[in-house]
Amino acid sequence: MLELDMEFSAVSYNNLYGKGFEADLVLLAPQVAYLYPVVKEILKKQIVAEIPPAVYAAYDIAGLMAFVRKLLEEKKEEEVEKKLPIERVEYKIRL
C-alpha cells in the first residue's frame, strides 16, 4: 500500500549479531536499549537506533515508519556529506 521495499524481522538479543550484519538498520526495543553502545560498536556499518518508548508502548506503526524514514534520510545525508566536493579549476592559457 505504501510502496515501501522494507522487511522487518524480530530477533532475540542472542541472535542479533547473526542477523544484524545482514541488516541495513537495527532497532532496539526499550528493554534492551541500554545495550545500544555495545551493539553500535559491533555493528559499525549498520544504522543502530533505539525505538522511542512511546512509539513502542503504543504499537504506533505509523510513528515507527516515520522514525525509520528519518533514520534512513539522515544516513543518506551523512553519505553525501562524506563525499569530497568536486572543485572547478579554471586555467587561462596564453598563446
PDB file of N, CA and C in Angstrom:
ATOM      1  N   MET A   1       0.819  -1.190   0.000  1.00  0.00           N
ATOM      2  CA  MET A   1       0.000   0.000   0.000  1.00  0.00           C
ATOM      3  C   MET A   1       0.871   1.266   0.000  1.00  0.00           C
ATOM      4  N   LEU A   2       1.926   1.261   0.793  1.00  0.00           N
ATOM      5  CA  LEU A   2       2.797   2.421   0.858  1.00  0.00           C
ATOM      6  C   LEU A   2       3.933   2.348  -0.149  1.00  0.00           C
ATOM      7  N   GLU A   3       4.008   1.239  -0.858  1.00  0.00           N
ATOM      8  CA  GLU A   3       5.039   1.012  -1.867  1.00  0.00           C
ATOM      9  C   GLU A   3       6.445   1.182  -1.292  1.00  0.00           C
ATOM     10  N   LEU A   4       6.668   0.580  -0.135  1.00  0.00           N
ATOM     11  CA  LEU A   4       7.976   0.622   0.505  1.00  0.00           C
ATOM     12  C   LEU A   4       8.620  -0.753   0.386  1.00  0.00           C
ATOM     13  N   ASP A   5       9.889  -0.771   0.076  1.00  0.00           N
ATOM     14  CA  ASP A   5      10.620  -2.024  -0.037  1.00  0.00           C
ATOM     15  C   ASP A   5      11.377  -2.253   1.267  1.00  0.00           C
ATOM     16  N   MET A   6      10.657  -2.723   2.279  1.00  0.00           N
ATOM     17  CA  MET A   6      11.240  -2.940   3.593  1.00  0.00           C
ATOM     18  C   MET A   6      10.817  -4.295   4.124  1.00  0.00           C
ATOM     19  N   GLU A   7      11.713  -4.886   4.896  1.00  0.00           N
ATOM     20  CA  GLU A   7      11.410  -6.150   5.558  1.00  0.00           C
ATOM     21  C   GLU A   7      11.861  -6.023   7.007  1.00  0.00           C
ATOM     22  N   PHE A   8      10.996  -6.404   7.925  1.00  0.00           N
ATOM     23  CA  PHE A   8      11.297  -6.325   9.347  1.00  0.00           C
ATOM     24  C   PHE A   8      11.317  -7.732   9.927  1.00  0.00           C
ATOM     25  N   SER A   9      12.274  -7.990  10.804  1.00  0.00           N
ATOM     26  CA  SER A   9      12.355  -9.272  11.500  1.00  0.00           C
ATOM     27  C   SER A   9      12.683  -9.002  12.954  1.00  0.00           C
ATOM     28  N   ALA A  10      11.946  -9.659  13.836  1.00  0.00           N
ATOM     29  CA  ALA A  10      12.238  -9.561  15.261  1.00  0.00           C
ATOM     30  C   ALA A  10      13.152 -10.718  15.635  1.00  0.00           C
ATOM     31  N   VAL A  11      14.234 -10.400  16.316  1.00  0.00           N
ATOM     32  CA  VAL A  11      15.167 -11.434  16.758  1.00  0.00           C
ATOM     33  C   VAL A  11      15.532 -11.187  18.219  1.00  0.00           C
ATOM     34  N   SER A  12      15.903 -12.245  18.888  1.00  0.00           N
ATOM     35  CA  SER A  12      16.344 -12.121  20.276  1.00  0.00           C
ATOM     36  C   SER A  12      17.742 -11.492  20.296  1.00  0.00           C
ATOM     37  N   TYR A  13      18.131 -11.004  21.463  1.00  0.00           N
ATOM     38  CA  TYR A  13      19.461 -10.415  21.575  1.00  0.00           C
ATOM     39  C   TYR A  13      20.536 -11.439  21.241  1.00  0.00           C
ATOM     40  N   ASN A  14      20.302 -12.695  21.603  1.00  0.00           N
ATOM     41  CA  ASN A  14      21.279 -13.753  21.318  1.00  0.00           C
ATOM     42  C   ASN A  14      21.500 -13.955  19.825  1.00  0.00           C
ATOM     43  N   ASN A  15      20.496 -13.661  19.011  1.00  0.00           N
ATOM     44  CA  ASN A  15      20.599 -13.823  17.557  1.00  0.00           C
ATOM     45  C   ASN A  15      20.855 -12.508  16.825  1.00  0.00           C
ATOM     46  N   LEU A  16      20.965 -11.433  17.577  1.00  0.00           N
ATOM     47  CA  LEU A  16      21.096 -10.111  16.972  1.00  0.00           C
ATOM     48  C   LEU A  16      22.303  -9.996  16.056  1.00  0.00           C
ATOM     49  N   TYR A  17      23.431 -10.490  16.490  1.00  0.00           N
ATOM     50  CA  TYR A  17      24.649 -10.306  15.698  1.00  0.00           C
ATOM     51  C   TYR A  17      24.661 -11.216  14.478  1.00  0.00           C
ATOM     52  N   GLY A  18      24.038 -12.379  14.559  1.00  0.00           N
ATOM     53  CA  GLY A  18      23.935 -13.251  13.389  1.00  0.00           C
ATOM     54  C   GLY A  18      23.107 -12.618  12.292  1.00  0.00           C
ATOM     55  N   LYS A  19      22.026 -11.964  12.666  1.00  0.00           N
ATOM     56  CA  LYS A  19      21.140 -11.316  11.693  1.00  0.00           C
ATOM     57  C   LYS A  19      21.513  -9.852  11.446  1.00  0.00           C
ATOM     58  N   GLY A  20      22.078  -9.212  12.443  1.00  0.00           N
ATOM     59  CA  GLY A  20      22.352  -7.781  12.368  1.00  0.00           C
ATOM     60  C   GLY A  20      23.319  -7.376  11.280  1.00  0.00           C
ATOM     61  N   PHE A  21      24.311  -8.229  10.993  1.00  0.00           N
ATOM     62  CA  PHE A  21      25.285  -7.891   9.950  1.00  0.00           C
ATOM     63  C   PHE A  21      24.651  -7.906   8.563  1.00  0.00           C
ATOM     64  N   GLU A  22      23.519  -8.566   8.420  1.00  0.00           N
ATOM     65  CA  GLU A  22      22.806  -8.631   7.141  1.00  0.00           C
ATOM     66  C   GLU A  22      21.838  -7.467   6.968  1.00  0.00           C
ATOM     67  N   ALA A  23      21.595  -6.729   8.034  1.00  0.00           N
ATOM     68  CA  ALA A  23      20.576  -5.673   8.022  1.00  0.00           C
ATOM     69  C   ALA A  23      21.178  -4.312   7.692  1.00  0.00           C
ATOM     70  N   ASP A  24      20.334  -3.434   7.188  1.00  0.00           N
ATOM     71  CA  ASP A  24      20.733  -2.042   6.967  1.00  0.00           C
ATOM     72  C   ASP A  24      20.496  -1.225   8.237  1.00  0.00           C
ATOM     73  N   LEU A  25      19.495  -1.648   9.001  1.00  0.00           N
ATOM     74  CA  LEU A  25      19.041  -0.893  10.157  1.00  0.00           C
ATOM     75  C   LEU A  25      18.699  -1.865  11.272  1.00  0.00           C
ATOM     76  N   VAL A  26      19.148  -1.561  12.488  1.00  0.00           N
ATOM     77  CA  VAL A  26      18.839  -2.387  13.654  1.00  0.00           C
ATOM     78  C   VAL A  26      18.140  -1.499  14.674  1.00  0.00           C
ATOM     79  N   LEU A  27      16.937  -1.895  15.044  1.00  0.00           N
ATOM     80  CA  LEU A  27      16.157  -1.149  16.034  1.00  0.00           C
ATOM     81  C   LEU A  27      16.144  -1.934  17.337  1.00  0.00           C
ATOM     82  N   LEU A  28      16.462  -1.270  18.422  1.00  0.00           N
ATOM     83  CA  LEU A  28      16.466  -1.906  19.737  1.00  0.00           C
ATOM     84  C   LEU A  28      15.212  -1.524  20.505  1.00  0.00           C
ATOM     85  N   ALA A  29      14.533  -2.522  21.043  1.00  0.00           N
ATOM     86  CA  ALA A  29      13.364  -2.278  21.884  1.00  0.00           C
ATOM     87  C   ALA A  29      13.818  -1.607  23.175  1.00  0.00           C
ATOM     88  N   PRO A  30      12.920  -0.880  23.833  1.00  0.00           N
ATOM     89  CA  PRO A  30      13.308  -0.190  25.068  1.00  0.00           C
ATOM     90  C   PRO A  30      13.913  -1.119  26.130  1.00  0.00           C
ATOM     91  N   GLN A  31      13.496  -2.382  26.166  1.00  0.00           N
ATOM     92  CA  GLN A  31      14.001  -3.313  27.173  1.00  0.00           C
ATOM     93  C   GLN A  31      15.505  -3.580  27.026  1.00  0.00           C
ATOM     94  N   VAL A  32      16.021  -3.444  25.812  1.00  0.00           N
ATOM     95  CA  VAL A  32      17.448  -3.706  25.578  1.00  0.00           C
ATOM     96  C   VAL A  32      18.190  -2.460  25.102  1.00  0.00           C
ATOM     97  N   ALA A  33      17.554  -1.311  25.199  1.00  0.00           N
ATOM     98  CA  ALA A  33      18.174  -0.062  24.726  1.00  0.00           C
ATOM     99  C   ALA A  33      19.462   0.262  25.482  1.00  0.00           C
ATOM    100  N   TYR A  34      19.591  -0.239  26.707  1.00  0.00           N
ATOM    101  CA  TYR A  34      20.817   0.015  27.471  1.00  0.00           C
ATOM    102  C   TYR A  34      22.039  -0.633  26.802  1.00  0.00           C
ATOM    103  N   LEU A  35      21.807  -1.575  25.897  1.00  0.00           N
ATOM    104  CA  LEU A  35      22.890  -2.243  25.182  1.00  0.00           C
ATOM    105  C   LEU A  35      23.308  -1.494  23.913  1.00  0.00           C
ATOM    106  N   TYR A  36      22.709  -0.341  23.664  1.00  0.00           N
ATOM    107  CA  TYR A  36      22.994   0.431  22.455  1.00  0.00           C
ATOM    108  C   TYR A  36      24.490   0.628  22.204  1.00  0.00           C
ATOM    109  N   PRO A  37      25.270   1.089  23.198  1.00  0.00           N
ATOM    110  CA  PRO A  37      26.701   1.319  22.915  1.00  0.00           C
ATOM    111  C   PRO A  37      27.432   0.055  22.450  1.00  0.00           C
ATOM    112  N   VAL A  38      27.092  -1.087  23.028  1.00  0.00           N
ATOM    113  CA  VAL A  38      27.737  -2.349  22.658  1.00  0.00           C
ATOM    114  C   VAL A  38      27.345  -2.745  21.244  1.00  0.00           C
ATOM    115  N   VAL A  39      26.050  -2.660  20.951  1.00  0.00           N
ATOM    116  CA  VAL A  39      25.553  -3.040  19.622  1.00  0.00           C
ATOM    117  C   VAL A  39      26.131  -2.113  18.564  1.00  0.00           C
ATOM    118  N   LYS A  40      26.150  -0.813  18.831  1.00  0.00           N
ATOM    119  CA  LYS A  40      26.674   0.166  17.880  1.00  0.00           C
ATOM    120  C   LYS A  40      28.153  -0.083  17.596  1.00  0.00           C
ATOM    121  N   GLU A  41      28.911  -0.474  18.611  1.00  0.00           N
ATOM    122  CA  GLU A  41      30.338  -0.737  18.439  1.00  0.00           C
ATOM    123  C   GLU A  41      30.574  -1.966  17.564  1.00  0.00           C
ATOM    124  N   ILE A  42      29.727  -2.979  17.713  1.00  0.00           N
ATOM    125  CA  ILE A  42      29.893  -4.222  16.948  1.00  0.00           C
ATOM    126  C   ILE A  42      29.343  -4.076  15.528  1.00  0.00           C
ATOM    127  N   LEU A  43      28.178  -3.469  15.406  1.00  0.00           N
ATOM    128  CA  LEU A  43      27.542  -3.300  14.090  1.00  0.00           C
ATOM    129  C   LEU A  43      27.854  -1.898  13.560  1.00  0.00           C
ATOM    130  N   LYS A  44      29.100  -1.664  13.239  1.00  0.00           N
ATOM    131  CA  LYS A  44      29.556  -0.326  12.850  1.00  0.00           C
ATOM    132  C   LYS A  44      28.991   0.150  11.513  1.00  0.00           C
ATOM    133  N   LYS A  45      28.730  -0.757  10.602  1.00  0.00           N
ATOM    134  CA  LYS A  45      28.257  -0.359   9.270  1.00  0.00           C
ATOM    135  C   LYS A  45      26.743  -0.214   9.202  1.00  0.00           C
ATOM    136  N   GLN A  46      26.045  -0.682  10.206  1.00  0.00           N
ATOM    137  CA  GLN A  46      24.592  -0.606  10.218  1.00  0.00           C
ATOM    138  C   GLN A  46      24.133   0.629  10.991  1.00  0.00           C
ATOM    139  N   ILE A  47      22.942   1.065  10.673  1.00  0.00           N
ATOM    140  CA  ILE A  47      22.300   2.107  11.467  1.00  0.00           C
ATOM    141  C   ILE A  47      21.738   1.389  12.689  1.00  0.00           C
ATOM    142  N   VAL A  48      22.083   1.843  13.869  1.00  0.00           N
ATOM    143  CA  VAL A  48      21.558   1.257  15.106  1.00  0.00           C
ATOM    144  C   VAL A  48      20.833   2.362  15.847  1.00  0.00           C
ATOM    145  N   ALA A  49      19.600   2.087  16.266  1.00  0.00           N
ATOM    146  CA  ALA A  49      18.802   3.097  16.958  1.00  0.00           C
ATOM    147  C   ALA A  49      17.907   2.437  17.998  1.00  0.00           C
ATOM    148  N   GLU A  50      17.507   3.234  18.956  1.00  0.00           N
ATOM    149  CA  GLU A  50      16.581   2.779  19.982  1.00  0.00           C
ATOM    150  C   GLU A  50      15.173   3.192  19.577  1.00  0.00           C
ATOM    151  N   ILE A  51      14.228   2.269  19.630  1.00  0.00           N
ATOM    152  CA  ILE A  51      12.836   2.619  19.335  1.00  0.00           C
ATOM    153  C   ILE A  51      12.347   3.522  20.466  1.00  0.00           C
ATOM    154  N   PRO A  52      11.784   4.669  20.138  1.00  0.00           N
ATOM    155  CA  PRO A  52      11.250   5.534  21.201  1.00  0.00           C
ATOM    156  C   PRO A  52      10.218   4.781  22.042  1.00  0.00           C
ATOM    157  N   PRO A  53      10.338   4.846  23.372  1.00  0.00           N
ATOM    158  CA  PRO A  53       9.412   4.097  24.236  1.00  0.00           C
ATOM    159  C   PRO A  53       7.935   4.389  23.973  1.00  0.00           C
ATOM    160  N   ALA A  54       7.594   5.637  23.684  1.00  0.00           N
ATOM    161  CA  ALA A  54       6.183   5.973  23.431  1.00  0.00           C
ATOM    162  C   ALA A  54       5.670   5.274  22.175  1.00  0.00           C
ATOM    163  N   VAL A  55       6.495   5.182  21.158  1.00  0.00           N
ATOM    164  CA  VAL A  55       6.130   4.503  19.912  1.00  0.00           C
ATOM    165  C   VAL A  55       5.975   3.007  20.176  1.00  0.00           C
ATOM    166  N   TYR A  56       6.917   2.446  20.913  1.00  0.00           N
ATOM    167  CA  TYR A  56       6.901   1.011  21.205  1.00  0.00           C
ATOM    168  C   TYR A  56       5.692   0.636  22.056  1.00  0.00           C
ATOM    169  N   ALA A  57       5.441   1.404  23.107  1.00  0.00           N
ATOM    170  CA  ALA A  57       4.362   1.096  24.047  1.00  0.00           C
ATOM    171  C   ALA A  57       2.985   1.197  23.407  1.00  0.00           C
ATOM    172  N   ALA A  58       2.841   2.101  22.445  1.00  0.00           N
ATOM    173  CA  ALA A  58       1.543   2.313  21.802  1.00  0.00           C
ATOM    174  C   ALA A  58       1.354   1.464  20.550  1.00  0.00           C
ATOM    175  N   TYR A  59       2.351   0.637  20.223  1.00  0.00           N
ATOM    176  CA  TYR A  59       2.307  -0.124  18.965  1.00  0.00           C
ATOM    177  C   TYR A  59       2.016   0.810  17.788  1.00  0.00           C
ATOM    178  N   ASP A  60       2.662   1.967  17.810  1.00  0.00           N
ATOM    179  CA  ASP A  60       2.435   3.019  16.820  1.00  0.00           C
ATOM    180  C   ASP A  60       3.244   2.717  15.548  1.00  0.00           C
ATOM    181  N   ILE A  61       2.654   1.974  14.644  1.00  0.00           N
ATOM    182  CA  ILE A  61       3.342   1.578  13.413  1.00  0.00           C
ATOM    183  C   ILE A  61       3.646   2.794  12.543  1.00  0.00           C
ATOM    184  N   ALA A  62       2.705   3.708  12.440  1.00  0.00           N
ATOM    185  CA  ALA A  62       2.945   4.917  11.633  1.00  0.00           C
ATOM    186  C   ALA A  62       4.103   5.723  12.223  1.00  0.00           C
ATOM    187  N   GLY A  63       4.150   5.824  13.534  1.00  0.00           N
ATOM    188  CA  GLY A  63       5.245   6.532  14.193  1.00  0.00           C
ATOM    189  C   GLY A  63       6.570   5.828  13.983  1.00  0.00           C
ATOM    190  N   LEU A  64       6.543   4.503  14.017  1.00  0.00           N
ATOM    191  CA  LEU A  64       7.761   3.731  13.792  1.00  0.00           C
ATOM    192  C   LEU A  64       8.246   3.906  12.358  1.00  0.00           C
ATOM    193  N   MET A  65       7.343   3.882  11.396  1.00  0.00           N
ATOM    194  CA  MET A  65       7.723   4.067   9.999  1.00  0.00           C
ATOM    195  C   MET A  65       8.311   5.459   9.779  1.00  0.00           C
ATOM    196  N   ALA A  66       7.725   6.467  10.405  1.00  0.00           N
ATOM    197  CA  ALA A  66       8.262   7.831  10.295  1.00  0.00           C
ATOM    198  C   ALA A  66       9.666   7.891  10.911  1.00  0.00           C
ATOM    199  N   PHE A  67       9.857   7.206  12.024  1.00  0.00           N
ATOM    200  CA  PHE A  67      11.161   7.151  12.686  1.00  0.00           C
ATOM    201  C   PHE A  67      12.197   6.479  11.785  1.00  0.00           C
ATOM    202  N   VAL A  68      11.818   5.365  11.166  1.00  0.00           N
ATOM    203  CA  VAL A  68      12.721   4.638  10.263  1.00  0.00           C
ATOM    204  C   VAL A  68      13.069   5.502   9.056  1.00  0.00           C
ATOM    205  N   ARG A  69      12.083   6.143   8.466  1.00  0.00           N
ATOM    206  CA  ARG A  69      12.345   7.020   7.314  1.00  0.00           C
ATOM    207  C   ARG A  69      13.326   8.133   7.672  1.00  0.00           C
ATOM    208  N   LYS A  70      13.140   8.717   8.857  1.00  0.00           N
ATOM    209  CA  LYS A  70      14.029   9.789   9.304  1.00  0.00           C
ATOM    210  C   LYS A  70      15.456   9.267   9.444  1.00  0.00           C
ATOM    211  N   LEU A  71      15.624   8.083  10.024  1.00  0.00           N
ATOM    212  CA  LEU A  71      16.959   7.496  10.179  1.00  0.00           C
ATOM    213  C   LEU A  71      17.616   7.253   8.830  1.00  0.00           C
ATOM    214  N   LEU A  72      16.845   6.736   7.875  1.00  0.00           N
ATOM    215  CA  LEU A  72      17.387   6.449   6.554  1.00  0.00           C
ATOM    216  C   LEU A  72      17.758   7.736   5.813  1.00  0.00           C
ATOM    217  N   GLU A  73      16.936   8.768   5.951  1.00  0.00           N
ATOM    218  CA  GLU A  73      17.238  10.056   5.323  1.00  0.00           C
ATOM    219  C   GLU A  73      18.504  10.674   5.918  1.00  0.00           C
ATOM    220  N   GLU A  74      18.651  10.574   7.243  1.00  0.00           N
ATOM    221  CA  GLU A  74      19.846  11.100   7.893  1.00  0.00           C
ATOM    222  C   GLU A  74      21.094  10.363   7.406  1.00  0.00           C
ATOM    223  N   LYS A  75      20.974   9.055   7.217  1.00  0.00           N
ATOM    224  CA  LYS A  75      22.097   8.258   6.729  1.00  0.00           C
ATOM    225  C   LYS A  75      22.493   8.706   5.321  1.00  0.00           C
ATOM    226  N   LYS A  76      21.488   8.943   4.459  1.00  0.00           N
ATOM    227  CA  LYS A  76      21.770   9.425   3.101  1.00  0.00           C
ATOM    228  C   LYS A  76      22.496  10.762   3.139  1.00  0.00           C
ATOM    229  N   GLU A  77      22.032  11.662   4.001  1.00  0.00           N
ATOM    230  CA  GLU A  77      22.660  12.981   4.118  1.00  0.00           C
ATOM    231  C   GLU A  77      24.107  12.856   4.590  1.00  0.00           C
ATOM    232  N   GLU A  78      24.368  11.957   5.534  1.00  0.00           N
ATOM    233  CA  GLU A  78      25.732  11.741   6.017  1.00  0.00           C
ATOM    234  C   GLU A  78      26.624  11.226   4.896  1.00  0.00           C
ATOM    235  N   GLU A  79      26.100  10.315   4.085  1.00  0.00           N
ATOM    236  CA  GLU A  79      26.892   9.759   2.985  1.00  0.00           C
ATOM    237  C   GLU A  79      27.230  10.824   1.958  1.00  0.00           C
ATOM    238  N   VAL A  80      26.291  11.725   1.687  1.00  0.00           N
ATOM    239  CA  VAL A  80      26.541  12.811   0.747  1.00  0.00           C
ATOM    240  C   VAL A  80      27.599  13.750   1.313  1.00  0.00           C
ATOM    241  N   GLU A  81      27.532  14.047   2.605  1.00  0.00           N
ATOM    242  CA  GLU A  81      28.495  14.949   3.225  1.00  0.00           C
ATOM    243  C   GLU A  81      29.898  14.348   3.248  1.00  0.00           C
ATOM    244  N   LYS A  82      30.001  13.031   3.323  1.00  0.00           N
ATOM    245  CA  LYS A  82      31.305  12.366   3.362  1.00  0.00           C
ATOM    246  C   LYS A  82      32.029  12.441   2.027  1.00  0.00           C
ATOM    247  N   LYS A  83      31.279  12.547   0.940  1.00  0.00           N
ATOM    248  CA  LYS A  83      31.905  12.618  -0.376  1.00  0.00           C
ATOM    249  C   LYS A  83      32.624  13.952  -0.524  1.00  0.00           C
ATOM    250  N   LEU A  84      33.776  13.898  -1.107  1.00  0.00           N
ATOM    251  CA  LEU A  84      34.533  15.122  -1.313  1.00  0.00           C
ATOM    252  C   LEU A  84      33.895  15.960  -2.418  1.00  0.00           C
ATOM    253  N   PRO A  85      33.821  17.247  -2.217  1.00  0.00           N
ATOM    254  CA  PRO A  85      33.252  18.089  -3.274  1.00  0.00           C
ATOM    255  C   PRO A  85      34.213  18.173  -4.464  1.00  0.00           C
ATOM    256  N   ILE A  86      33.638  18.254  -5.595  1.00  0.00           N
ATOM    257  CA  ILE A  86      34.439  18.413  -6.811  1.00  0.00           C
ATOM    258  C   ILE A  86      34.682  19.909  -6.992  1.00  0.00           C
ATOM    259  N   GLU A  87      35.944  20.238  -7.105  1.00  0.00           N
ATOM    260  CA  GLU A  87      36.292  21.649  -7.277  1.00  0.00           C
ATOM    261  C   GLU A  87      36.484  21.949  -8.753  1.00  0.00           C
ATOM    262  N   ARG A  88      36.023  23.088  -9.132  1.00  0.00           N
ATOM    263  CA  ARG A  88      36.202  23.512 -10.507  1.00  0.00           C
ATOM    264  C   ARG A  88      37.469  24.352 -10.585  1.00  0.00           C
ATOM    265  N   VAL A  89      38.328  23.966 -11.469  1.00  0.00           N
ATOM    266  CA  VAL A  89      39.595  24.690 -11.625  1.00  0.00           C
ATOM    267  C   VAL A  89      39.602  25.272 -13.040  1.00  0.00           C
ATOM    268  N   GLU A  90      39.865  26.566 -13.118  1.00  0.00           N
ATOM    269  CA  GLU A  90      39.923  27.213 -14.417  1.00  0.00           C
ATOM    270  C   GLU A  90      41.371  27.541 -14.756  1.00  0.00           C
ATOM    271  N   TYR A  91      41.729  27.256 -15.959  1.00  0.00           N
ATOM    272  CA  TYR A  91      43.077  27.558 -16.435  1.00  0.00           C
ATOM    273  C   TYR A  91      42.975  28.581 -17.552  1.00  0.00           C
ATOM    274  N   LYS A  92      43.887  29.527 -17.500  1.00  0.00           N
ATOM    275  CA  LYS A  92      43.960  30.504 -18.583  1.00  0.00           C
ATOM    276  C   LYS A  92      45.223  30.173 -19.378  1.00  0.00           C
ATOM    277  N   ILE A  93      45.038  29.937 -20.646  1.00  0.00           N
ATOM    278  CA  ILE A  93      46.167  29.585 -21.496  1.00  0.00           C
ATOM    279  C   ILE A  93      46.462  30.774 -22.401  1.00  0.00           C
ATOM    280  N   ARG A  94      47.727  31.195 -22.403  1.00  0.00           N
ATOM    281  CA  ARG A  94      48.135  32.280 -23.271  1.00  0.00           C
ATOM    282  C   ARG A  94      48.804  31.682 -24.486  1.00  0.00           C
ATOM    283  N   LEU A  95      48.427  32.124 -25.609  1.00  0.00           N
ATOM    284  CA  LEU A  95      49.022  31.651 -26.861  1.00  0.00           C
ATOM    285  C   LEU A  95      49.818  32.738 -27.530  1.00  0.00           C
TER     286      LEU A  95
END
